[in-house]
Amino acid sequence: MPTCLAAAGTDVPGDVDGTDLLAVTRLSADDKRVFVGDCRHRFFCVVDGRWKYHWTALGGAELLFDRENDPCEQNDLHGDSAHGPQLETLRAQLVAHLAAKGSDLVKDGVLQSRSSPRSRRDVSRYPGF
């Protein structure tokens, strides 16, 4: 929606979720770009160049991938202490994003998960982990 509104020359209301992709195309190669994906307010990812972080609100599982050395995202690094700084940075970016949206998935700067699904019926779509 922000892209369509910007293309029409209309201001984007502050409560509209999304990104004006026209503005993204005007960024230089040196500009910092972070993408936060949200699948039905249950599954989230943060992509910050080389690193990709996944978190599910259903159970709180985390995944971390080094996209430069593992472009097919086969090696989960979230439990590797050597990659703790990347994990913390990306988690903090998700916390900030959700807090700015007023999400109940953040309390006192900490992600809040819900009960894990017990069967496939508890999850309407399975996004891959």
Protein backbone atom coordinates (compact mmCIF):
# COMPACT_ATOMS: atom_id res chain seq x y z
CA MET A 1 0.00 0.00 0.00
CA PRO A 2 2.76 2.57 0.77
CA THR A 3 4.18 2.10 -2.74
CA CYS A 4 0.80 2.68 -4.39
CA LEU A 5 0.06 5.74 -2.25
CA ALA A 6 3.50 7.23 -2.95
CA ALA A 7 3.13 6.57 -6.69
CA ALA A 8 -0.20 8.40 -6.57
CA GLY A 9 1.48 11.34 -4.84
CA THR A 10 -0.49 10.82 -1.62
CA ASP A 11 0.98 10.90 1.86
CA VAL A 12 1.23 7.52 3.56
CA PRO A 13 -0.59 7.45 6.93
CA GLY A 14 1.61 6.50 9.87
CA ASP A 15 -0.50 3.49 10.79
CA VAL A 16 -0.10 1.82 7.36
CA ASP A 17 2.16 -1.21 7.45
CA GLY A 18 4.66 -1.79 4.65
CA THR A 19 7.41 -0.04 2.73
CA ASP A 20 7.38 2.43 -0.12
CA LEU A 21 9.39 0.43 -2.64
CA LEU A 22 9.90 3.52 -4.80
CA ALA A 23 11.87 5.08 -1.95
CA VAL A 24 13.94 1.89 -1.62
CA THR A 25 14.98 2.13 -5.27
CA ARG A 26 16.38 5.60 -4.58
CA LEU A 27 18.75 4.34 -1.84
CA SER A 28 22.44 4.20 -2.62
CA ALA A 29 24.46 1.01 -2.26
CA ASP A 30 25.92 2.41 0.98
CA ASP A 31 22.52 2.94 2.65
CA LYS A 32 21.59 0.47 5.38
CA ARG A 33 18.60 -1.65 4.40
CA VAL A 34 16.72 -3.87 6.80
CA PHE A 35 13.69 -5.92 5.81
CA VAL A 36 11.24 -7.17 8.41
CA GLY A 37 8.78 -9.76 7.16
CA ASP A 38 5.59 -10.66 8.97
CA CYS A 39 3.51 -13.70 8.05
CA ARG A 40 0.11 -13.45 9.71
CA HIS A 41 1.54 -12.00 12.96
CA ARG A 42 2.99 -15.41 13.81
CA PHE A 43 6.17 -15.84 11.80
CA PHE A 44 8.74 -13.08 11.35
CA CYS A 45 12.06 -12.60 9.65
CA VAL A 46 14.62 -9.82 9.62
CA VAL A 47 17.09 -9.57 6.76
CA ASP A 48 20.03 -7.22 7.19
CA GLY A 49 22.34 -7.76 4.25
CA ARG A 50 24.38 -10.85 5.04
CA TRP A 51 22.28 -12.12 7.98
CA LYS A 52 18.74 -13.47 8.17
CA TYR A 53 16.86 -14.05 11.43
CA HIS A 54 13.58 -15.94 11.82
CA TRP A 55 11.34 -15.98 14.90
CA THR A 56 7.98 -17.59 15.42
CA ALA A 57 5.51 -16.25 17.95
CA LEU A 58 4.18 -19.80 18.22
CA GLY A 59 6.68 -21.27 20.66
CA GLY A 60 9.44 -18.69 20.24
CA ALA A 61 11.76 -20.71 17.97
CA GLU A 62 14.63 -18.79 16.39
CA LEU A 63 16.79 -19.39 13.34
CA LEU A 64 19.85 -17.45 12.15
CA PHE A 65 21.49 -17.81 8.75
CA ASP A 66 24.65 -16.38 7.20
CA ARG A 67 23.35 -15.75 3.67
CA GLU A 68 26.83 -15.05 2.32
CA ASN A 69 28.30 -18.42 3.33
CA ASP A 70 25.01 -20.35 3.32
CA PRO A 71 22.80 -18.90 0.55
CA CYS A 72 20.38 -21.85 0.71
CA GLU A 73 19.93 -21.31 4.47
CA GLN A 74 20.75 -24.88 5.48
CA ASN A 75 22.92 -24.19 8.56
CA ASP A 76 21.07 -22.64 11.52
CA LEU A 77 23.54 -20.58 13.58
CA HIS A 78 21.22 -19.31 16.32
CA GLY A 79 22.78 -21.57 18.97
CA ASP A 80 26.39 -20.78 17.99
CA SER A 81 27.87 -18.29 20.49
CA ALA A 82 30.26 -17.03 17.81
CA HIS A 83 27.24 -15.48 16.09
CA GLY A 84 25.62 -14.10 19.24
CA PRO A 85 26.18 -10.45 18.25
CA GLN A 86 24.39 -10.91 14.92
CA LEU A 87 21.53 -12.73 16.64
CA GLU A 88 21.16 -10.01 19.27
CA THR A 89 21.25 -7.22 16.67
CA LEU A 90 18.59 -8.79 14.47
CA ARG A 91 16.42 -9.75 17.43
CA ALA A 92 16.64 -6.14 18.67
CA GLN A 93 15.58 -4.90 15.23
CA LEU A 94 12.50 -7.14 15.35
CA VAL A 95 11.71 -6.01 18.89
CA ALA A 96 11.98 -2.36 17.83
CA HIS A 97 9.79 -2.96 14.78
CA LEU A 98 7.08 -4.76 16.75
CA ALA A 99 7.21 -2.26 19.62
CA ALA A 100 6.77 0.63 17.17
CA LYS A 101 3.63 -1.13 15.87
CA GLY A 102 2.26 -1.51 19.42
CA SER A 103 2.41 -5.31 19.18
CA ASP A 104 1.60 -7.43 22.22
CA LEU A 105 4.46 -9.70 21.13
CA VAL A 106 6.92 -7.37 22.90
CA LYS A 107 6.92 -6.64 26.61
CA ASP A 108 9.67 -4.65 28.33
CA GLY A 109 11.90 -5.06 25.25
CA VAL A 110 11.56 -8.85 25.14
CA LEU A 111 9.80 -10.97 22.51
CA GLN A 112 6.74 -12.75 23.90
CA SER A 113 5.82 -16.07 22.34
CA ARG A 114 2.52 -17.85 22.45
CA SER A 115 1.95 -21.57 23.01
CA SER A 116 3.55 -23.88 20.48
CA PRO A 117 1.22 -25.54 18.02
CA ARG A 118 0.39 -29.12 18.95
CA SER A 119 -0.78 -30.23 15.53
CA ARG A 120 -0.96 -29.02 11.94
CA ARG A 121 -4.50 -27.80 12.61
CA ASP A 122 -3.09 -25.20 15.06
CA VAL A 123 -1.24 -23.48 12.21
CA SER A 124 -3.25 -22.29 9.23
CA ARG A 125 -0.19 -22.10 6.93
CA TYR A 126 3.22 -23.65 7.39
CA PRO A 127 5.90 -21.20 6.16
CA GLY A 128 8.88 -23.51 6.33
CA PHE A 129 10.01 -24.13 9.90
